[in-house]
């Protein structure tokens, strides 16, 4: 009996977290923090350079991570591909196109030089891309709680139990 209890305890520690009930707040936290980090990268890319141009490495890093990070709450619930990801990917493609729409104009700092600036089309497409991106983020952040509910409804938990005569494992779930 002395050998059975420690090995049963170790089994509980190993098995239980993988099949435990997921928490709605954790899913929201994962989606929210992921969204904040990606958005911070994108916004800071506009503020890094003093010559009013976008710092491309930070912009593209933020854009690439923004396709995935708002879905972290749904990943937590075992849902790997989301509608929001597709929406954000479309918004990212629009933003890349918008950033490529530049024309040379006289610089404010040094009028003898030309600086690339967004055209009217580029600015409009970038604005629409931001709206599409935000829509995809909202879709996934709000869907994270529903994904957790679906996970909890369809999964089984292995739980340690203690009874008067000893202990063991119980299989709990909704079928």
C-alpha atoms as a PDB file:
ATOM      1  CA  UNK A   1       0.000   0.000   0.000  1.00  0.00           C
ATOM      2  CA  UNK A   2       2.879   2.367   0.749  1.00  0.00           C
ATOM      3  CA  UNK A   3       4.166   1.983  -2.795  1.00  0.00           C
ATOM      4  CA  UNK A   4       0.764   2.337  -4.398  1.00  0.00           C
ATOM      5  CA  UNK A   5      -0.097   5.745  -2.894  1.00  0.00           C
ATOM      6  CA  UNK A   6       3.041   7.601  -4.115  1.00  0.00           C
ATOM      7  CA  UNK A   7       2.750   6.102  -7.594  1.00  0.00           C
ATOM      8  CA  UNK A   8      -0.978   6.942  -7.697  1.00  0.00           C
ATOM      9  CA  UNK A   9      -0.158  10.498  -6.615  1.00  0.00           C
ATOM     10  CA  UNK A  10       2.459  10.807  -9.369  1.00  0.00           C
ATOM     11  CA  UNK A  11      -0.050   9.441 -11.880  1.00  0.00           C
ATOM     12  CA  UNK A  12      -2.559  12.078 -10.745  1.00  0.00           C
ATOM     13  CA  UNK A  13      -0.020  14.849 -11.204  1.00  0.00           C
ATOM     14  CA  UNK A  14       0.883  13.652 -14.680  1.00  0.00           C
ATOM     15  CA  UNK A  15      -2.592  12.828 -15.949  1.00  0.00           C
ATOM     16  CA  UNK A  16      -4.777  15.466 -14.366  1.00  0.00           C
ATOM     17  CA  UNK A  17      -3.395  18.689 -15.918  1.00  0.00           C
ATOM     18  CA  UNK A  18      -3.743  17.345 -19.450  1.00  0.00           C
ATOM     19  CA  UNK A  19      -7.402  16.528 -18.985  1.00  0.00           C
ATOM     20  CA  UNK A  20      -8.391  19.080 -16.361  1.00  0.00           C
ATOM     21  CA  UNK A  21     -11.237  21.484 -16.800  1.00  0.00           C
ATOM     22  CA  UNK A  22     -10.136  24.631 -18.618  1.00  0.00           C
ATOM     23  CA  UNK A  23     -10.862  28.083 -17.168  1.00  0.00           C
ATOM     24  CA  UNK A  24     -12.595  30.879 -19.060  1.00  0.00           C
ATOM     25  CA  UNK A  25     -10.529  33.611 -17.405  1.00  0.00           C
ATOM     26  CA  UNK A  26      -7.278  31.927 -18.433  1.00  0.00           C
ATOM     27  CA  UNK A  27      -8.423  31.822 -22.055  1.00  0.00           C
ATOM     28  CA  UNK A  28      -9.366  35.516 -21.961  1.00  0.00           C
ATOM     29  CA  UNK A  29      -6.056  36.411 -20.326  1.00  0.00           C
ATOM     30  CA  UNK A  30      -4.051  34.521 -22.940  1.00  0.00           C
ATOM     31  CA  UNK A  31      -5.941  36.156 -25.806  1.00  0.00           C
ATOM     32  CA  UNK A  32      -5.757  39.616 -24.251  1.00  0.00           C
ATOM     33  CA  UNK A  33      -2.050  39.568 -23.441  1.00  0.00           C
ATOM     34  CA  UNK A  34      -1.206  38.130 -26.862  1.00  0.00           C
ATOM     35  CA  UNK A  35      -3.229  40.837 -28.548  1.00  0.00           C
ATOM     36  CA  UNK A  36      -1.563  43.538 -26.462  1.00  0.00           C
ATOM     37  CA  UNK A  37       1.955  42.380 -27.293  1.00  0.00           C
ATOM     38  CA  UNK A  38       1.302  42.150 -31.029  1.00  0.00           C
ATOM     39  CA  UNK A  39      -0.506  45.490 -31.121  1.00  0.00           C
ATOM     40  CA  UNK A  40       2.322  47.110 -29.190  1.00  0.00           C
ATOM     41  CA  UNK A  41       4.829  45.925 -31.783  1.00  0.00           C
ATOM     42  CA  UNK A  42       2.765  47.249 -34.676  1.00  0.00           C
ATOM     43  CA  UNK A  43       2.139  50.622 -33.026  1.00  0.00           C
ATOM     44  CA  UNK A  44       5.754  51.063 -31.954  1.00  0.00           C
ATOM     45  CA  UNK A  45       6.922  50.492 -35.533  1.00  0.00           C
ATOM     46  CA  UNK A  46       5.343  53.847 -36.394  1.00  0.00           C
ATOM     47  CA  UNK A  47       7.098  55.591 -33.501  1.00  0.00           C
ATOM     48  CA  UNK A  48      10.650  54.187 -33.662  1.00  0.00           C
ATOM     49  CA  UNK A  49      12.033  56.237 -36.552  1.00  0.00           C
ATOM     50  CA  UNK A  50      12.115  59.997 -36.281  1.00  0.00           C
ATOM     51  CA  UNK A  51      11.760  60.571 -40.038  1.00  0.00           C
ATOM     52  CA  UNK A  52       8.034  59.639 -40.084  1.00  0.00           C
ATOM     53  CA  UNK A  53       8.561  56.256 -41.751  1.00  0.00           C
ATOM     54  CA  UNK A  54       7.627  52.777 -40.569  1.00  0.00           C
ATOM     55  CA  UNK A  55      10.353  50.624 -39.018  1.00  0.00           C
ATOM     56  CA  UNK A  56       9.813  47.506 -41.122  1.00  0.00           C
ATOM     57  CA  UNK A  57      11.287  44.746 -38.875  1.00  0.00           C
ATOM     58  CA  UNK A  58       9.080  45.687 -35.915  1.00  0.00           C
ATOM     59  CA  UNK A  59       6.046  46.247 -38.126  1.00  0.00           C
ATOM     60  CA  UNK A  60       6.326  42.835 -39.793  1.00  0.00           C
ATOM     61  CA  UNK A  61       7.082  41.079 -36.484  1.00  0.00           C
ATOM     62  CA  UNK A  62       3.976  42.612 -34.926  1.00  0.00           C
ATOM     63  CA  UNK A  63       1.902  41.830 -37.977  1.00  0.00           C
ATOM     64  CA  UNK A  64       3.065  38.200 -38.122  1.00  0.00           C
ATOM     65  CA  UNK A  65       2.454  37.573 -34.426  1.00  0.00           C
ATOM     66  CA  UNK A  66      -0.916  39.347 -34.540  1.00  0.00           C
ATOM     67  CA  UNK A  67      -2.259  36.609 -36.783  1.00  0.00           C
ATOM     68  CA  UNK A  68      -1.706  34.045 -34.019  1.00  0.00           C
ATOM     69  CA  UNK A  69      -1.652  35.697 -30.590  1.00  0.00           C
ATOM     70  CA  UNK A  70      -5.334  36.685 -30.237  1.00  0.00           C
ATOM     71  CA  UNK A  71      -6.121  32.985 -30.757  1.00  0.00           C
ATOM     72  CA  UNK A  72      -4.039  31.834 -27.763  1.00  0.00           C
ATOM     73  CA  UNK A  73      -7.177  31.485 -25.626  1.00  0.00           C
ATOM     74  CA  UNK A  74      -8.721  29.182 -28.196  1.00  0.00           C
ATOM     75  CA  UNK A  75      -5.472  27.246 -28.516  1.00  0.00           C
ATOM     76  CA  UNK A  76      -5.652  26.748 -24.752  1.00  0.00           C
ATOM     77  CA  UNK A  77      -9.039  25.128 -25.359  1.00  0.00           C
ATOM     78  CA  UNK A  78      -7.654  22.898 -28.115  1.00  0.00           C
ATOM     79  CA  UNK A  79      -9.035  24.825 -31.094  1.00  0.00           C
ATOM     80  CA  UNK A  80      -6.079  25.345 -33.432  1.00  0.00           C
ATOM     81  CA  UNK A  81      -7.537  27.133 -36.472  1.00  0.00           C
ATOM     82  CA  UNK A  82     -10.033  29.942 -35.982  1.00  0.00           C
ATOM     83  CA  UNK A  83     -12.132  32.208 -38.175  1.00  0.00           C
ATOM     84  CA  UNK A  84     -10.465  35.200 -36.526  1.00  0.00           C
ATOM     85  CA  UNK A  85      -7.074  33.981 -37.751  1.00  0.00           C
ATOM     86  CA  UNK A  86      -8.323  34.021 -41.316  1.00  0.00           C
ATOM     87  CA  UNK A  87      -9.798  37.478 -40.899  1.00  0.00           C
ATOM     88  CA  UNK A  88      -6.537  38.794 -39.444  1.00  0.00           C
ATOM     89  CA  UNK A  89      -4.484  37.165 -42.209  1.00  0.00           C
ATOM     90  CA  UNK A  90      -6.612  39.042 -44.752  1.00  0.00           C
ATOM     91  CA  UNK A  91      -6.103  42.269 -42.819  1.00  0.00           C
ATOM     92  CA  UNK A  92      -2.349  41.637 -42.692  1.00  0.00           C
ATOM     93  CA  UNK A  93      -2.194  41.193 -46.454  1.00  0.00           C
ATOM     94  CA  UNK A  94      -4.114  44.440 -46.868  1.00  0.00           C
ATOM     95  CA  UNK A  95      -1.669  46.233 -44.540  1.00  0.00           C
ATOM     96  CA  UNK A  96       1.381  44.923 -46.407  1.00  0.00           C
ATOM     97  CA  UNK A  97      -0.126  46.177 -49.655  1.00  0.00           C
ATOM     98  CA  UNK A  98      -0.932  49.545 -48.063  1.00  0.00           C
ATOM     99  CA  UNK A  99       2.609  50.036 -46.756  1.00  0.00           C
ATOM    100  CA  UNK A 100       3.958  49.388 -50.256  1.00  0.00           C
ATOM    101  CA  UNK A 101       1.864  52.258 -51.660  1.00  0.00           C
ATOM    102  CA  UNK A 102       4.307  55.146 -51.247  1.00  0.00           C
ATOM    103  CA  UNK A 103       5.408  58.149 -53.238  1.00  0.00           C
ATOM    104  CA  UNK A 104       8.369  60.470 -52.817  1.00  0.00           C
ATOM    105  CA  UNK A 105       7.658  63.896 -51.409  1.00  0.00           C
ATOM    106  CA  UNK A 106       9.834  66.654 -50.039  1.00  0.00           C
ATOM    107  CA  UNK A 107      10.915  65.920 -46.458  1.00  0.00           C
ATOM    108  CA  UNK A 108       9.783  68.240 -43.674  1.00  0.00           C
ATOM    109  CA  UNK A 109      13.184  68.193 -41.998  1.00  0.00           C
ATOM    110  CA  UNK A 110      15.344  68.633 -45.113  1.00  0.00           C
ATOM    111  CA  UNK A 111      13.433  69.985 -48.144  1.00  0.00           C
ATOM    112  CA  UNK A 112      16.344  69.144 -50.447  1.00  0.00           C
ATOM    113  CA  UNK A 113      15.668  65.412 -49.985  1.00  0.00           C
ATOM    114  CA  UNK A 114      12.712  63.236 -50.903  1.00  0.00           C
ATOM    115  CA  UNK A 115      10.993  61.032 -48.326  1.00  0.00           C
ATOM    116  CA  UNK A 116       8.660  58.119 -49.068  1.00  0.00           C
ATOM    117  CA  UNK A 117       5.122  58.783 -47.787  1.00  0.00           C
ATOM    118  CA  UNK A 118       1.890  56.836 -48.004  1.00  0.00           C
ATOM    119  CA  UNK A 119      -0.366  57.687 -50.903  1.00  0.00           C
ATOM    120  CA  UNK A 120      -4.047  58.354 -50.369  1.00  0.00           C
ATOM    121  CA  UNK A 121      -4.819  54.806 -51.505  1.00  0.00           C
ATOM    122  CA  UNK A 122      -2.206  53.400 -49.119  1.00  0.00           C
ATOM    123  CA  UNK A 123      -3.649  55.333 -46.191  1.00  0.00           C
ATOM    124  CA  UNK A 124      -7.204  54.244 -47.005  1.00  0.00           C
ATOM    125  CA  UNK A 125      -6.243  50.581 -47.384  1.00  0.00           C
ATOM    126  CA  UNK A 126      -4.207  50.739 -44.163  1.00  0.00           C
ATOM    127  CA  UNK A 127      -7.234  52.156 -42.329  1.00  0.00           C
ATOM    128  CA  UNK A 128      -9.461  49.375 -43.664  1.00  0.00           C
ATOM    129  CA  UNK A 129      -6.803  46.790 -42.754  1.00  0.00           C
ATOM    130  CA  UNK A 130      -6.829  48.077 -39.174  1.00  0.00           C
ATOM    131  CA  UNK A 131     -10.617  47.689 -39.013  1.00  0.00           C
ATOM    132  CA  UNK A 132     -10.405  44.141 -40.405  1.00  0.00           C
ATOM    133  CA  UNK A 133      -7.606  43.294 -37.953  1.00  0.00           C
ATOM    134  CA  UNK A 134      -9.563  44.601 -34.982  1.00  0.00           C
ATOM    135  CA  UNK A 135     -12.626  42.640 -36.124  1.00  0.00           C
ATOM    136  CA  UNK A 136     -10.575  39.436 -36.252  1.00  0.00           C
ATOM    137  CA  UNK A 137      -9.149  40.111 -32.801  1.00  0.00           C
ATOM    138  CA  UNK A 138     -12.570  40.755 -31.293  1.00  0.00           C
ATOM    139  CA  UNK A 139     -13.939  37.631 -32.936  1.00  0.00           C
ATOM    140  CA  UNK A 140     -11.254  35.434 -31.363  1.00  0.00           C
ATOM    141  CA  UNK A 141     -11.129  37.118 -27.961  1.00  0.00           C
ATOM    142  CA  UNK A 142     -14.890  36.809 -27.567  1.00  0.00           C
ATOM    143  CA  UNK A 143     -14.779  33.259 -28.933  1.00  0.00           C
ATOM    144  CA  UNK A 144     -12.153  32.126 -26.404  1.00  0.00           C
ATOM    145  CA  UNK A 145     -14.716  31.648 -23.630  1.00  0.00           C
ATOM    146  CA  UNK A 146     -17.014  29.683 -25.928  1.00  0.00           C
ATOM    147  CA  UNK A 147     -14.101  27.467 -26.992  1.00  0.00           C
ATOM    148  CA  UNK A 148     -13.363  26.725 -23.332  1.00  0.00           C
ATOM    149  CA  UNK A 149     -17.021  25.876 -22.707  1.00  0.00           C
ATOM    150  CA  UNK A 150     -17.002  23.499 -25.693  1.00  0.00           C
ATOM    151  CA  UNK A 151     -13.803  21.883 -24.444  1.00  0.00           C
ATOM    152  CA  UNK A 152     -15.160  21.403 -20.932  1.00  0.00           C
ATOM    153  CA  UNK A 153     -18.445  20.025 -22.242  1.00  0.00           C
ATOM    154  CA  UNK A 154     -16.773  17.343 -24.361  1.00  0.00           C
ATOM    155  CA  UNK A 155     -13.786  16.228 -22.302  1.00  0.00           C
ATOM    156  CA  UNK A 156     -13.265  13.786 -19.478  1.00  0.00           C
ATOM    157  CA  UNK A 157     -11.249  14.488 -16.329  1.00  0.00           C
ATOM    158  CA  UNK A 158      -9.164  12.011 -14.371  1.00  0.00           C
ATOM    159  CA  UNK A 159      -9.390  13.081 -10.737  1.00  0.00           C
ATOM    160  CA  UNK A 160      -7.835  11.739  -7.534  1.00  0.00           C
ATOM    161  CA  UNK A 161     -10.360  10.591  -4.945  1.00  0.00           C
ATOM    162  CA  UNK A 162     -10.197   9.823  -1.251  1.00  0.00           C
ATOM    163  CA  UNK A 163     -12.644   7.484   0.445  1.00  0.00           C
ATOM    164  CA  UNK A 164     -12.958   5.946   3.882  1.00  0.00           C
ATOM    165  CA  UNK A 165     -11.356   2.736   2.698  1.00  0.00           C
ATOM    166  CA  UNK A 166      -8.490   4.350   0.737  1.00  0.00           C
ATOM    167  CA  UNK A 167      -7.989   6.406  -2.378  1.00  0.00           C
ATOM    168  CA  UNK A 168      -7.979   6.085  -6.078  1.00  0.00           C
ATOM    169  CA  UNK A 169      -8.810   7.706  -9.360  1.00  0.00           C
ATOM    170  CA  UNK A 170     -12.211   8.745 -10.637  1.00  0.00           C
ATOM    171  CA  UNK A 171     -13.213   9.297 -14.224  1.00  0.00           C
ATOM    172  CA  UNK A 172     -15.461  12.355 -14.469  1.00  0.00           C
ATOM    173  CA  UNK A 173     -17.033  13.914 -17.512  1.00  0.00           C
ATOM    174  CA  UNK A 174     -20.043  14.833 -19.560  1.00  0.00           C
ATOM    175  CA  UNK A 175     -21.086  12.364 -22.199  1.00  0.00           C
END
